[in-house]
């Protein structure tokens, strides 16, 4: 697989999920991802998730990344309150709610903090 094939199949503001790439192209040589990362074509977020280096990083895109790299989850708590202007403080990391264990992911894009809640409370 060539990078141009991947680039034409996905838009520049898509998250490159290895599972989706395998579905699209039947397989992938992970050494290509490392090579493309070294050449600056893609940026690694976390294991199995990449973005194109020319992607426009804005707030909606960062929130979408947050939901994808640790799912199921949704943006909540301080991040949601700040987004809707309900608190005066600035928020420098995305805080999400998940039914999985509490987790923190630091990337070059942003810091993502996931707080665990009971599965019966995870809805909506």
PDB file of N, CA and C in Angstrom:
ATOM      1  N   UNK A   1       0.830  -1.171   0.000  1.00  0.00           N
ATOM      2  CA  UNK A   1       0.000   0.000   0.000  1.00  0.00           C
ATOM      3  C   UNK A   1       0.879   1.242   0.000  1.00  0.00           C
ATOM      4  N   UNK A   2       0.476   2.229  -0.745  1.00  0.00           N
ATOM      5  CA  UNK A   2       1.202   3.482  -0.820  1.00  0.00           C
ATOM      6  C   UNK A   2       0.462   4.541  -0.019  1.00  0.00           C
ATOM      7  N   UNK A   3       1.218   5.540   0.428  1.00  0.00           N
ATOM      8  CA  UNK A   3       0.617   6.605   1.232  1.00  0.00           C
ATOM      9  C   UNK A   3      -0.462   7.339   0.462  1.00  0.00           C
ATOM     10  N   UNK A   4      -0.235   7.577  -0.813  1.00  0.00           N
ATOM     11  CA  UNK A   4      -1.213   8.312  -1.625  1.00  0.00           C
ATOM     12  C   UNK A   4      -2.544   7.557  -1.685  1.00  0.00           C
ATOM     13  N   UNK A   5      -2.495   6.223  -1.665  1.00  0.00           N
ATOM     14  CA  UNK A   5      -3.731   5.428  -1.644  1.00  0.00           C
ATOM     15  C   UNK A   5      -4.500   5.672  -0.349  1.00  0.00           C
ATOM     16  N   UNK A   6      -3.777   5.675   0.756  1.00  0.00           N
ATOM     17  CA  UNK A   6      -4.404   5.931   2.045  1.00  0.00           C
ATOM     18  C   UNK A   6      -4.973   7.341   2.096  1.00  0.00           C
ATOM     19  N   UNK A   7      -4.229   8.294   1.612  1.00  0.00           N
ATOM     20  CA  UNK A   7      -4.632   9.704   1.640  1.00  0.00           C
ATOM     21  C   UNK A   7      -5.881   9.937   0.794  1.00  0.00           C
ATOM     22  N   UNK A   8      -5.980   9.271  -0.348  1.00  0.00           N
ATOM     23  CA  UNK A   8      -7.151   9.473  -1.198  1.00  0.00           C
ATOM     24  C   UNK A   8      -8.392   8.786  -0.644  1.00  0.00           C
ATOM     25  N   UNK A   9      -8.222   7.697   0.101  1.00  0.00           N
ATOM     26  CA  UNK A   9      -9.371   6.983   0.667  1.00  0.00           C
ATOM     27  C   UNK A   9      -9.928   7.647   1.923  1.00  0.00           C
ATOM     28  N   UNK A  10      -9.073   8.376   2.640  1.00  0.00           N
ATOM     29  CA  UNK A  10      -9.491   9.051   3.861  1.00  0.00           C
ATOM     30  C   UNK A  10      -9.331  10.552   3.689  1.00  0.00           C
ATOM     31  N   UNK A  11     -10.204  11.325   4.341  1.00  0.00           N
ATOM     32  CA  UNK A  11     -10.035  12.776   4.270  1.00  0.00           C
ATOM     33  C   UNK A  11      -8.953  13.193   5.257  1.00  0.00           C
ATOM     34  N   UNK A  12      -8.437  14.401   5.086  1.00  0.00           N
ATOM     35  CA  UNK A  12      -7.316  14.819   5.927  1.00  0.00           C
ATOM     36  C   UNK A  12      -7.710  15.026   7.385  1.00  0.00           C
ATOM     37  N   UNK A  13      -8.988  15.143   7.682  1.00  0.00           N
ATOM     38  CA  UNK A  13      -9.424  15.292   9.069  1.00  0.00           C
ATOM     39  C   UNK A  13     -10.004  14.012   9.639  1.00  0.00           C
ATOM     40  N   UNK A  14      -9.629  12.884   9.077  1.00  0.00           N
ATOM     41  CA  UNK A  14     -10.026  11.596   9.619  1.00  0.00           C
ATOM     42  C   UNK A  14      -8.954  11.081  10.555  1.00  0.00           C
ATOM     43  N   UNK A  15      -9.397  10.291  11.502  1.00  0.00           N
ATOM     44  CA  UNK A  15      -8.459   9.573  12.351  1.00  0.00           C
ATOM     45  C   UNK A  15      -8.141   8.261  11.652  1.00  0.00           C
ATOM     46  N   UNK A  16      -6.883   7.951  11.540  1.00  0.00           N
ATOM     47  CA  UNK A  16      -6.470   6.709  10.903  1.00  0.00           C
ATOM     48  C   UNK A  16      -6.482   5.625  11.969  1.00  0.00           C
ATOM     49  N   UNK A  17      -7.487   4.788  11.925  1.00  0.00           N
ATOM     50  CA  UNK A  17      -7.624   3.654  12.840  1.00  0.00           C
ATOM     51  C   UNK A  17      -7.127   2.423  12.082  1.00  0.00           C
ATOM     52  N   UNK A  18      -6.172   1.713  12.653  1.00  0.00           N
ATOM     53  CA  UNK A  18      -5.564   0.565  11.977  1.00  0.00           C
ATOM     54  C   UNK A  18      -6.617  -0.459  11.576  1.00  0.00           C
ATOM     55  N   UNK A  19      -7.622  -0.658  12.426  1.00  0.00           N
ATOM     56  CA  UNK A  19      -8.672  -1.639  12.105  1.00  0.00           C
ATOM     57  C   UNK A  19      -9.432  -1.244  10.848  1.00  0.00           C
ATOM     58  N   UNK A  20      -9.695   0.047  10.679  1.00  0.00           N
ATOM     59  CA  UNK A  20     -10.386   0.508   9.469  1.00  0.00           C
ATOM     60  C   UNK A  20      -9.498   0.403   8.237  1.00  0.00           C
ATOM     61  N   UNK A  21      -8.208   0.675   8.408  1.00  0.00           N
ATOM     62  CA  UNK A  21      -7.272   0.570   7.284  1.00  0.00           C
ATOM     63  C   UNK A  21      -7.183  -0.882   6.825  1.00  0.00           C
ATOM     64  N   UNK A  22      -7.152  -1.815   7.765  1.00  0.00           N
ATOM     65  CA  UNK A  22      -7.117  -3.235   7.404  1.00  0.00           C
ATOM     66  C   UNK A  22      -8.393  -3.616   6.654  1.00  0.00           C
ATOM     67  N   UNK A  23      -9.527  -3.075   7.064  1.00  0.00           N
ATOM     68  CA  UNK A  23     -10.788  -3.334   6.370  1.00  0.00           C
ATOM     69  C   UNK A  23     -10.770  -2.756   4.954  1.00  0.00           C
ATOM     70  N   UNK A  24     -10.235  -1.560   4.795  1.00  0.00           N
ATOM     71  CA  UNK A  24     -10.193  -0.907   3.479  1.00  0.00           C
ATOM     72  C   UNK A  24      -9.214  -1.579   2.520  1.00  0.00           C
ATOM     73  N   UNK A  25      -8.058  -1.989   3.033  1.00  0.00           N
ATOM     74  CA  UNK A  25      -6.983  -2.468   2.160  1.00  0.00           C
ATOM     75  C   UNK A  25      -6.628  -3.948   2.348  1.00  0.00           C
ATOM     76  N   UNK A  26      -7.398  -4.671   3.125  1.00  0.00           N
ATOM     77  CA  UNK A  26      -7.198  -6.094   3.408  1.00  0.00           C
ATOM     78  C   UNK A  26      -6.018  -6.380   4.333  1.00  0.00           C
ATOM     79  N   UNK A  27      -5.019  -5.537   4.357  1.00  0.00           N
ATOM     80  CA  UNK A  27      -3.887  -5.718   5.261  1.00  0.00           C
ATOM     81  C   UNK A  27      -3.066  -4.431   5.265  1.00  0.00           C
ATOM     82  N   UNK A  28      -2.124  -4.369   6.189  1.00  0.00           N
ATOM     83  CA  UNK A  28      -1.207  -3.227   6.226  1.00  0.00           C
ATOM     84  C   UNK A  28       0.105  -3.695   6.845  1.00  0.00           C
ATOM     85  N   UNK A  29       1.178  -3.241   6.281  1.00  0.00           N
ATOM     86  CA  UNK A  29       2.495  -3.502   6.841  1.00  0.00           C
ATOM     87  C   UNK A  29       2.782  -2.367   7.822  1.00  0.00           C
ATOM     88  N   UNK A  30       2.840  -2.680   9.091  1.00  0.00           N
ATOM     89  CA  UNK A  30       3.004  -1.647  10.114  1.00  0.00           C
ATOM     90  C   UNK A  30       4.320  -0.892   9.984  1.00  0.00           C
ATOM     91  N   UNK A  31       5.267  -1.475   9.279  1.00  0.00           N
ATOM     92  CA  UNK A  31       6.522  -0.756   9.039  1.00  0.00           C
ATOM     93  C   UNK A  31       6.282   0.476   8.183  1.00  0.00           C
ATOM     94  N   UNK A  32       5.257   0.445   7.317  1.00  0.00           N
ATOM     95  CA  UNK A  32       4.907   1.609   6.498  1.00  0.00           C
ATOM     96  C   UNK A  32       4.457   2.767   7.391  1.00  0.00           C
ATOM     97  N   UNK A  33       3.671   2.451   8.410  1.00  0.00           N
ATOM     98  CA  UNK A  33       3.208   3.499   9.324  1.00  0.00           C
ATOM     99  C   UNK A  33       4.386   4.160  10.023  1.00  0.00           C
ATOM    100  N   UNK A  34       5.337   3.363  10.466  1.00  0.00           N
ATOM    101  CA  UNK A  34       6.528   3.902  11.105  1.00  0.00           C
ATOM    102  C   UNK A  34       7.319   4.763  10.114  1.00  0.00           C
ATOM    103  N   UNK A  35       7.446   4.294   8.895  1.00  0.00           N
ATOM    104  CA  UNK A  35       8.163   5.040   7.849  1.00  0.00           C
ATOM    105  C   UNK A  35       7.466   6.369   7.560  1.00  0.00           C
ATOM    106  N   UNK A  36       6.143   6.334   7.423  1.00  0.00           N
ATOM    107  CA  UNK A  36       5.378   7.563   7.141  1.00  0.00           C
ATOM    108  C   UNK A  36       5.426   8.529   8.318  1.00  0.00           C
ATOM    109  N   UNK A  37       5.511   7.983   9.500  1.00  0.00           N
ATOM    110  CA  UNK A  37       5.630   8.823  10.682  1.00  0.00           C
ATOM    111  C   UNK A  37       6.991   9.529  10.685  1.00  0.00           C
ATOM    112  N   UNK A  38       8.047   8.813  10.362  1.00  0.00           N
ATOM    113  CA  UNK A  38       9.390   9.401  10.309  1.00  0.00           C
ATOM    114  C   UNK A  38       9.492  10.464   9.212  1.00  0.00           C
ATOM    115  N   UNK A  39       8.787  10.245   8.098  1.00  0.00           N
ATOM    116  CA  UNK A  39       8.804  11.215   6.999  1.00  0.00           C
ATOM    117  C   UNK A  39       7.901  12.415   7.262  1.00  0.00           C
ATOM    118  N   UNK A  40       7.093  12.336   8.324  1.00  0.00           N
ATOM    119  CA  UNK A  40       6.229  13.462   8.665  1.00  0.00           C
ATOM    120  C   UNK A  40       4.894  13.462   7.960  1.00  0.00           C
ATOM    121  N   UNK A  41       4.500  12.356   7.366  1.00  0.00           N
ATOM    122  CA  UNK A  41       3.207  12.275   6.691  1.00  0.00           C
ATOM    123  C   UNK A  41       2.060  12.100   7.674  1.00  0.00           C
ATOM    124  N   UNK A  42       2.312  11.340   8.745  1.00  0.00           N
ATOM    125  CA  UNK A  42       1.288  11.075   9.749  1.00  0.00           C
ATOM    126  C   UNK A  42       1.857  11.320  11.144  1.00  0.00           C
ATOM    127  N   UNK A  43       0.963  11.494  12.100  1.00  0.00           N
ATOM    128  CA  UNK A  43       1.345  11.711  13.490  1.00  0.00           C
ATOM    129  C   UNK A  43       0.655  10.638  14.325  1.00  0.00           C
ATOM    130  N   UNK A  44       1.431   9.968  15.176  1.00  0.00           N
ATOM    131  CA  UNK A  44       0.874   8.928  16.024  1.00  0.00           C
ATOM    132  C   UNK A  44       0.207   9.560  17.245  1.00  0.00           C
ATOM    133  N   UNK A  45      -1.047   9.175  17.484  1.00  0.00           N
ATOM    134  CA  UNK A  45      -1.752   9.619  18.676  1.00  0.00           C
ATOM    135  C   UNK A  45      -1.524   8.649  19.825  1.00  0.00           C
ATOM    136  N   UNK A  46      -1.833   7.407  19.569  1.00  0.00           N
ATOM    137  CA  UNK A  46      -1.654   6.323  20.516  1.00  0.00           C
ATOM    138  C   UNK A  46      -1.619   5.038  19.701  1.00  0.00           C
ATOM    139  N   UNK A  47      -1.435   3.910  20.356  1.00  0.00           N
ATOM    140  CA  UNK A  47      -1.382   2.654  19.611  1.00  0.00           C
ATOM    141  C   UNK A  47      -2.608   2.511  18.718  1.00  0.00           C
ATOM    142  N   UNK A  48      -2.374   2.228  17.460  1.00  0.00           N
ATOM    143  CA  UNK A  48      -3.403   1.985  16.443  1.00  0.00           C
ATOM    144  C   UNK A  48      -4.145   3.218  15.963  1.00  0.00           C
ATOM    145  N   UNK A  49      -3.797   4.401  16.420  1.00  0.00           N
ATOM    146  CA  UNK A  49      -4.483   5.612  15.977  1.00  0.00           C
ATOM    147  C   UNK A  49      -3.472   6.665  15.525  1.00  0.00           C
ATOM    148  N   UNK A  50      -3.697   7.186  14.328  1.00  0.00           N
ATOM    149  CA  UNK A  50      -2.837   8.204  13.732  1.00  0.00           C
ATOM    150  C   UNK A  50      -3.720   9.276  13.113  1.00  0.00           C
ATOM    151  N   UNK A  51      -3.130  10.436  12.820  1.00  0.00           N
ATOM    152  CA  UNK A  51      -3.797  11.460  12.019  1.00  0.00           C
ATOM    153  C   UNK A  51      -2.809  11.925  10.959  1.00  0.00           C
ATOM    154  N   UNK A  52      -3.336  12.533   9.902  1.00  0.00           N
ATOM    155  CA  UNK A  52      -2.467  13.110   8.881  1.00  0.00           C
ATOM    156  C   UNK A  52      -1.803  14.353   9.454  1.00  0.00           C
ATOM    157  N   UNK A  53      -0.557  14.574   9.109  1.00  0.00           N
ATOM    158  CA  UNK A  53       0.185  15.701   9.672  1.00  0.00           C
ATOM    159  C   UNK A  53      -0.359  17.044   9.210  1.00  0.00           C
ATOM    160  N   UNK A  54      -1.091  17.073   8.095  1.00  0.00           N
ATOM    161  CA  UNK A  54      -1.656  18.336   7.625  1.00  0.00           C
ATOM    162  C   UNK A  54      -3.108  18.532   8.064  1.00  0.00           C
ATOM    163  N   UNK A  55      -3.573  17.734   9.011  1.00  0.00           N
ATOM    164  CA  UNK A  55      -4.949  17.855   9.507  1.00  0.00           C
ATOM    165  C   UNK A  55      -5.120  19.181  10.246  1.00  0.00           C
ATOM    166  N   UNK A  56      -6.283  19.778  10.100  1.00  0.00           N
ATOM    167  CA  UNK A  56      -6.598  21.024  10.788  1.00  0.00           C
ATOM    168  C   UNK A  56      -7.040  20.677  12.210  1.00  0.00           C
ATOM    169  N   UNK A  57      -6.223  21.029  13.178  1.00  0.00           N
ATOM    170  CA  UNK A  57      -6.496  20.695  14.570  1.00  0.00           C
ATOM    171  C   UNK A  57      -7.311  21.827  15.192  1.00  0.00           C
ATOM    172  N   UNK A  58      -8.615  21.609  15.323  1.00  0.00           N
ATOM    173  CA  UNK A  58      -9.479  22.568  15.987  1.00  0.00           C
ATOM    174  C   UNK A  58     -10.239  21.853  17.100  1.00  0.00           C
ATOM    175  N   UNK A  59     -11.019  22.589  17.867  1.00  0.00           N
ATOM    176  CA  UNK A  59     -11.700  22.005  19.026  1.00  0.00           C
ATOM    177  C   UNK A  59     -12.621  20.841  18.673  1.00  0.00           C
ATOM    178  N   UNK A  60     -13.460  20.952  17.646  1.00  0.00           N
ATOM    179  CA  UNK A  60     -14.308  19.792  17.326  1.00  0.00           C
ATOM    180  C   UNK A  60     -13.496  18.550  16.941  1.00  0.00           C
ATOM    181  N   UNK A  61     -12.385  18.739  16.244  1.00  0.00           N
ATOM    182  CA  UNK A  61     -11.549  17.609  15.844  1.00  0.00           C
ATOM    183  C   UNK A  61     -10.905  16.956  17.067  1.00  0.00           C
ATOM    184  N   UNK A  62     -10.450  17.768  18.021  1.00  0.00           N
ATOM    185  CA  UNK A  62      -9.833  17.224  19.238  1.00  0.00           C
ATOM    186  C   UNK A  62     -10.875  16.458  20.048  1.00  0.00           C
ATOM    187  N   UNK A  63     -12.099  16.956  20.116  1.00  0.00           N
ATOM    188  CA  UNK A  63     -13.159  16.232  20.827  1.00  0.00           C
ATOM    189  C   UNK A  63     -13.484  14.916  20.134  1.00  0.00           C
ATOM    190  N   UNK A  64     -13.474  14.906  18.806  1.00  0.00           N
ATOM    191  CA  UNK A  64     -13.707  13.671  18.064  1.00  0.00           C
ATOM    192  C   UNK A  64     -12.579  12.665  18.336  1.00  0.00           C
ATOM    193  N   UNK A  65     -11.342  13.141  18.365  1.00  0.00           N
ATOM    194  CA  UNK A  65     -10.205  12.272  18.684  1.00  0.00           C
ATOM    195  C   UNK A  65     -10.411  11.652  20.060  1.00  0.00           C
ATOM    196  N   UNK A  66     -10.826  12.476  21.005  1.00  0.00           N
ATOM    197  CA  UNK A  66     -11.055  11.992  22.372  1.00  0.00           C
ATOM    198  C   UNK A  66     -12.054  10.844  22.399  1.00  0.00           C
ATOM    199  N   UNK A  67     -13.115  10.954  21.640  1.00  0.00           N
ATOM    200  CA  UNK A  67     -14.136   9.903  21.626  1.00  0.00           C
ATOM    201  C   UNK A  67     -13.654   8.636  20.930  1.00  0.00           C
ATOM    202  N   UNK A  68     -12.776   8.763  19.966  1.00  0.00           N
ATOM    203  CA  UNK A  68     -12.339   7.610  19.179  1.00  0.00           C
ATOM    204  C   UNK A  68     -11.230   6.797  19.833  1.00  0.00           C
ATOM    205  N   UNK A  69     -10.254   7.465  20.443  1.00  0.00           N
ATOM    206  CA  UNK A  69      -9.075   6.725  20.904  1.00  0.00           C
ATOM    207  C   UNK A  69      -9.321   5.926  22.177  1.00  0.00           C
ATOM    208  N   UNK A  70     -10.412   6.200  22.882  1.00  0.00           N
ATOM    209  CA  UNK A  70     -10.746   5.426  24.079  1.00  0.00           C
ATOM    210  C   UNK A  70     -12.268   5.356  24.139  1.00  0.00           C
ATOM    211  N   UNK A  71     -12.810   4.362  23.489  1.00  0.00           N
ATOM    212  CA  UNK A  71     -14.264   4.278  23.421  1.00  0.00           C
ATOM    213  C   UNK A  71     -14.747   3.053  24.174  1.00  0.00           C
ATOM    214  N   UNK A  72     -15.948   3.051  24.668  1.00  0.00           N
ATOM    215  CA  UNK A  72     -16.932   4.125  24.557  1.00  0.00           C
ATOM    216  C   UNK A  72     -16.632   5.246  25.547  1.00  0.00           C
ATOM    217  N   UNK A  73     -16.772   6.461  25.083  1.00  0.00           N
ATOM    218  CA  UNK A  73     -16.581   7.623  25.943  1.00  0.00           C
ATOM    219  C   UNK A  73     -17.279   8.816  25.308  1.00  0.00           C
ATOM    220  N   UNK A  74     -17.533   9.819  26.116  1.00  0.00           N
ATOM    221  CA  UNK A  74     -18.030  11.088  25.586  1.00  0.00           C
ATOM    222  C   UNK A  74     -17.497  12.229  26.430  1.00  0.00           C
ATOM    223  N   UNK A  75     -17.310  13.369  25.783  1.00  0.00           N
ATOM    224  CA  UNK A  75     -16.755  14.539  26.444  1.00  0.00           C
ATOM    225  C   UNK A  75     -17.738  15.011  27.503  1.00  0.00           C
ATOM    226  N   UNK A  76     -17.226  15.271  28.692  1.00  0.00           N
ATOM    227  CA  UNK A  76     -18.098  15.630  29.802  1.00  0.00           C
ATOM    228  C   UNK A  76     -17.325  16.452  30.823  1.00  0.00           C
ATOM    229  N   UNK A  77     -17.899  16.595  31.992  1.00  0.00           N
ATOM    230  CA  UNK A  77     -17.316  17.268  33.141  1.00  0.00           C
ATOM    231  C   UNK A  77     -16.803  18.660  32.785  1.00  0.00           C
ATOM    232  N   UNK A  78     -15.570  18.991  33.168  1.00  0.00           N
ATOM    233  CA  UNK A  78     -15.058  20.350  32.977  1.00  0.00           C
ATOM    234  C   UNK A  78     -15.014  20.751  31.508  1.00  0.00           C
ATOM    235  N   UNK A  79     -14.701  19.814  30.633  1.00  0.00           N
ATOM    236  CA  UNK A  79     -14.608  20.128  29.211  1.00  0.00           C
ATOM    237  C   UNK A  79     -15.948  20.572  28.652  1.00  0.00           C
ATOM    238  N   UNK A  80     -16.996  19.858  28.998  1.00  0.00           N
ATOM    239  CA  UNK A  80     -18.337  20.222  28.516  1.00  0.00           C
ATOM    240  C   UNK A  80     -18.802  21.535  29.141  1.00  0.00           C
ATOM    241  N   UNK A  81     -18.555  21.697  30.426  1.00  0.00           N
ATOM    242  CA  UNK A  81     -18.961  22.938  31.089  1.00  0.00           C
ATOM    243  C   UNK A  81     -18.248  24.147  30.489  1.00  0.00           C
ATOM    244  N   UNK A  82     -16.968  24.006  30.190  1.00  0.00           N
ATOM    245  CA  UNK A  82     -16.214  25.093  29.572  1.00  0.00           C
ATOM    246  C   UNK A  82     -16.711  25.366  28.152  1.00  0.00           C
ATOM    247  N   UNK A  83     -16.989  24.323  27.400  1.00  0.00           N
ATOM    248  CA  UNK A  83     -17.463  24.470  26.020  1.00  0.00           C
ATOM    249  C   UNK A  83     -18.760  25.282  25.973  1.00  0.00           C
ATOM    250  N   UNK A  84     -19.659  25.017  26.903  1.00  0.00           N
ATOM    251  CA  UNK A  84     -20.939  25.723  26.924  1.00  0.00           C
ATOM    252  C   UNK A  84     -20.894  27.025  27.722  1.00  0.00           C
ATOM    253  N   UNK A  85     -19.711  27.430  28.178  1.00  0.00           N
ATOM    254  CA  UNK A  85     -19.549  28.699  28.862  1.00  0.00           C
ATOM    255  C   UNK A  85     -20.142  28.738  30.253  1.00  0.00           C
ATOM    256  N   UNK A  86     -20.254  27.598  30.898  1.00  0.00           N
ATOM    257  CA  UNK A  86     -20.855  27.532  32.225  1.00  0.00           C
ATOM    258  C   UNK A  86     -19.850  27.718  33.351  1.00  0.00           C
ATOM    259  N   UNK A  87     -18.556  27.643  33.034  1.00  0.00           N
ATOM    260  CA  UNK A  87     -17.521  27.921  34.030  1.00  0.00           C
ATOM    261  C   UNK A  87     -16.544  28.926  33.425  1.00  0.00           C
ATOM    262  N   UNK A  88     -15.999  29.813  34.244  1.00  0.00           N
ATOM    263  CA  UNK A  88     -15.088  30.836  33.700  1.00  0.00           C
ATOM    264  C   UNK A  88     -13.662  30.339  33.488  1.00  0.00           C
ATOM    265  N   UNK A  89     -13.322  29.198  34.061  1.00  0.00           N
ATOM    266  CA  UNK A  89     -11.947  28.712  33.974  1.00  0.00           C
ATOM    267  C   UNK A  89     -11.623  28.181  32.575  1.00  0.00           C
ATOM    268  N   UNK A  90     -10.357  28.276  32.218  1.00  0.00           N
ATOM    269  CA  UNK A  90      -9.883  27.668  30.974  1.00  0.00           C
ATOM    270  C   UNK A  90      -9.574  26.201  31.246  1.00  0.00           C
ATOM    271  N   UNK A  91      -9.886  25.346  30.302  1.00  0.00           N
ATOM    272  CA  UNK A  91      -9.643  23.916  30.440  1.00  0.00           C
ATOM    273  C   UNK A  91      -8.584  23.533  29.413  1.00  0.00           C
ATOM    274  N   UNK A  92      -7.506  22.890  29.885  1.00  0.00           N
ATOM    275  CA  UNK A  92      -6.385  22.588  29.016  1.00  0.00           C
ATOM    276  C   UNK A  92      -6.276  21.117  28.648  1.00  0.00           C
ATOM    277  N   UNK A  93      -7.219  20.321  29.085  1.00  0.00           N
ATOM    278  CA  UNK A  93      -7.248  18.928  28.680  1.00  0.00           C
ATOM    279  C   UNK A  93      -8.702  18.537  28.455  1.00  0.00           C
ATOM    280  N   UNK A  94      -8.892  17.527  27.637  1.00  0.00           N
ATOM    281  CA  UNK A  94     -10.230  17.024  27.373  1.00  0.00           C
ATOM    282  C   UNK A  94     -10.554  15.979  28.438  1.00  0.00           C
ATOM    283  N   UNK A  95     -11.646  16.188  29.161  1.00  0.00           N
ATOM    284  CA  UNK A  95     -12.089  15.227  30.161  1.00  0.00           C
ATOM    285  C   UNK A  95     -13.335  14.532  29.639  1.00  0.00           C
ATOM    286  N   UNK A  96     -13.294  13.219  29.638  1.00  0.00           N
ATOM    287  CA  UNK A  96     -14.400  12.421  29.128  1.00  0.00           C
ATOM    288  C   UNK A  96     -14.853  11.418  30.170  1.00  0.00           C
ATOM    289  N   UNK A  97     -16.061  10.943  29.971  1.00  0.00           N
ATOM    290  CA  UNK A  97     -16.649   9.904  30.815  1.00  0.00           C
ATOM    291  C   UNK A  97     -16.603   8.597  30.022  1.00  0.00           C
ATOM    292  N   UNK A  98     -16.313   7.498  30.710  1.00  0.00           N
ATOM    293  CA  UNK A  98     -16.267   6.195  30.065  1.00  0.00           C
ATOM    294  C   UNK A  98     -16.789   5.128  31.017  1.00  0.00           C
ATOM    295  N   UNK A  99     -17.222   4.020  30.453  1.00  0.00           N
ATOM    296  CA  UNK A  99     -17.618   2.879  31.281  1.00  0.00           C
ATOM    297  C   UNK A  99     -16.431   1.944  31.506  1.00  0.00           C
ATOM    298  N   UNK A 100     -15.321   2.241  30.876  1.00  0.00           N
ATOM    299  CA  UNK A 100     -14.089   1.482  31.090  1.00  0.00           C
ATOM    300  C   UNK A 100     -13.327   2.078  32.276  1.00  0.00           C
ATOM    301  N   UNK A 101     -12.122   1.571  32.531  1.00  0.00           N
ATOM    302  CA  UNK A 101     -11.362   2.063  33.675  1.00  0.00           C
ATOM    303  C   UNK A 101     -10.834   3.479  33.427  1.00  0.00           C
ATOM    304  N   UNK A 102     -10.605   4.203  34.512  1.00  0.00           N
ATOM    305  CA  UNK A 102     -10.057   5.555  34.445  1.00  0.00           C
ATOM    306  C   UNK A 102      -8.692   5.498  33.766  1.00  0.00           C
ATOM    307  N   UNK A 103      -8.456   6.459  32.864  1.00  0.00           N
ATOM    308  CA  UNK A 103      -7.248   6.403  32.050  1.00  0.00           C
ATOM    309  C   UNK A 103      -6.842   7.820  31.657  1.00  0.00           C
ATOM    310  N   UNK A 104      -5.560   8.031  31.430  1.00  0.00           N
ATOM    311  CA  UNK A 104      -5.046   9.312  30.974  1.00  0.00           C
ATOM    312  C   UNK A 104      -4.144   9.062  29.774  1.00  0.00           C
ATOM    313  N   UNK A 105      -4.388   9.781  28.680  1.00  0.00           N
ATOM    314  CA  UNK A 105      -3.580   9.639  27.466  1.00  0.00           C
ATOM    315  C   UNK A 105      -2.990  11.001  27.122  1.00  0.00           C
ATOM    316  N   UNK A 106      -1.666  11.069  27.002  1.00  0.00           N
ATOM    317  CA  UNK A 106      -0.996  12.304  26.624  1.00  0.00           C
ATOM    318  C   UNK A 106      -0.485  12.164  25.197  1.00  0.00           C
ATOM    319  N   UNK A 107      -0.875  13.105  24.357  1.00  0.00           N
ATOM    320  CA  UNK A 107      -0.416  13.123  22.972  1.00  0.00           C
ATOM    321  C   UNK A 107       0.173  14.491  22.664  1.00  0.00           C
ATOM    322  N   UNK A 108       0.710  14.636  21.474  1.00  0.00           N
ATOM    323  CA  UNK A 108       1.214  15.938  21.044  1.00  0.00           C
ATOM    324  C   UNK A 108       0.073  16.915  20.780  1.00  0.00           C
ATOM    325  N   UNK A 109      -1.110  16.390  20.510  1.00  0.00           N
ATOM    326  CA  UNK A 109      -2.285  17.217  20.207  1.00  0.00           C
ATOM    327  C   UNK A 109      -2.883  17.801  21.486  1.00  0.00           C
ATOM    328  N   UNK A 110      -3.125  16.953  22.469  1.00  0.00           N
ATOM    329  CA  UNK A 110      -3.773  17.357  23.708  1.00  0.00           C
ATOM    330  C   UNK A 110      -3.600  16.253  24.751  1.00  0.00           C
ATOM    331  N   UNK A 111      -3.978  16.555  25.967  1.00  0.00           N
ATOM    332  CA  UNK A 111      -4.046  15.547  27.018  1.00  0.00           C
ATOM    333  C   UNK A 111      -5.498  15.124  27.155  1.00  0.00           C
ATOM    334  N   UNK A 112      -5.722  13.820  27.215  1.00  0.00           N
ATOM    335  CA  UNK A 112      -7.066  13.281  27.314  1.00  0.00           C
ATOM    336  C   UNK A 112      -7.193  12.533  28.637  1.00  0.00           C
ATOM    337  N   UNK A 113      -8.186  12.920  29.417  1.00  0.00           N
ATOM    338  CA  UNK A 113      -8.406  12.320  30.717  1.00  0.00           C
ATOM    339  C   UNK A 113      -9.778  11.645  30.697  1.00  0.00           C
ATOM    340  N   UNK A 114      -9.816  10.371  31.062  1.00  0.00           N
ATOM    341  CA  UNK A 114     -11.057   9.593  31.039  1.00  0.00           C
ATOM    342  C   UNK A 114     -11.399   9.169  32.461  1.00  0.00           C
ATOM    343  N   UNK A 115     -12.599   9.526  32.906  1.00  0.00           N
ATOM    344  CA  UNK A 115     -13.084   9.174  34.243  1.00  0.00           C
ATOM    345  C   UNK A 115     -14.115   8.064  34.114  1.00  0.00           C
ATOM    346  N   UNK A 116     -13.976   7.065  34.948  1.00  0.00           N
ATOM    347  CA  UNK A 116     -14.856   5.910  34.907  1.00  0.00           C
ATOM    348  C   UNK A 116     -16.140   6.167  35.689  1.00  0.00           C
ATOM    349  N   UNK A 117     -17.261   5.719  35.131  1.00  0.00           N
ATOM    350  CA  UNK A 117     -18.526   5.716  35.844  1.00  0.00           C
ATOM    351  C   UNK A 117     -19.150   4.336  35.673  1.00  0.00           C
ATOM    352  N   UNK A 118     -20.120   4.032  36.498  1.00  0.00           N
ATOM    353  CA  UNK A 118     -20.784   2.733  36.436  1.00  0.00           C
ATOM    354  C   UNK A 118     -21.533   2.603  35.106  1.00  0.00           C
ATOM    355  N   UNK A 119     -21.548   1.385  34.556  1.00  0.00           N
ATOM    356  CA  UNK A 119     -22.167   1.157  33.245  1.00  0.00           C
ATOM    357  C   UNK A 119     -23.630   1.580  33.193  1.00  0.00           C
ATOM    358  N   UNK A 120     -24.368   1.410  34.271  1.00  0.00           N
ATOM    359  CA  UNK A 120     -25.790   1.773  34.242  1.00  0.00           C
ATOM    360  C   UNK A 120     -25.980   3.292  34.169  1.00  0.00           C
ATOM    361  N   UNK A 121     -24.944   4.067  34.500  1.00  0.00           N
ATOM    362  CA  UNK A 121     -25.014   5.521  34.398  1.00  0.00           C
ATOM    363  C   UNK A 121     -24.511   6.049  33.059  1.00  0.00           C
ATOM    364  N   UNK A 122     -23.943   5.173  32.251  1.00  0.00           N
ATOM    365  CA  UNK A 122     -23.367   5.572  30.960  1.00  0.00           C
ATOM    366  C   UNK A 122     -24.438   5.438  29.872  1.00  0.00           C
ATOM    367  N   UNK A 123     -25.100   6.533  29.593  1.00  0.00           N
ATOM    368  CA  UNK A 123     -26.148   6.545  28.570  1.00  0.00           C
ATOM    369  C   UNK A 123     -26.309   7.975  28.055  1.00  0.00           C
ATOM    370  N   UNK A 124     -27.063   8.117  27.020  1.00  0.00           N
ATOM    371  CA  UNK A 124     -27.379   9.457  26.528  1.00  0.00           C
ATOM    372  C   UNK A 124     -26.548   9.878  25.355  1.00  0.00           C
TER     373      UNK A 124
END
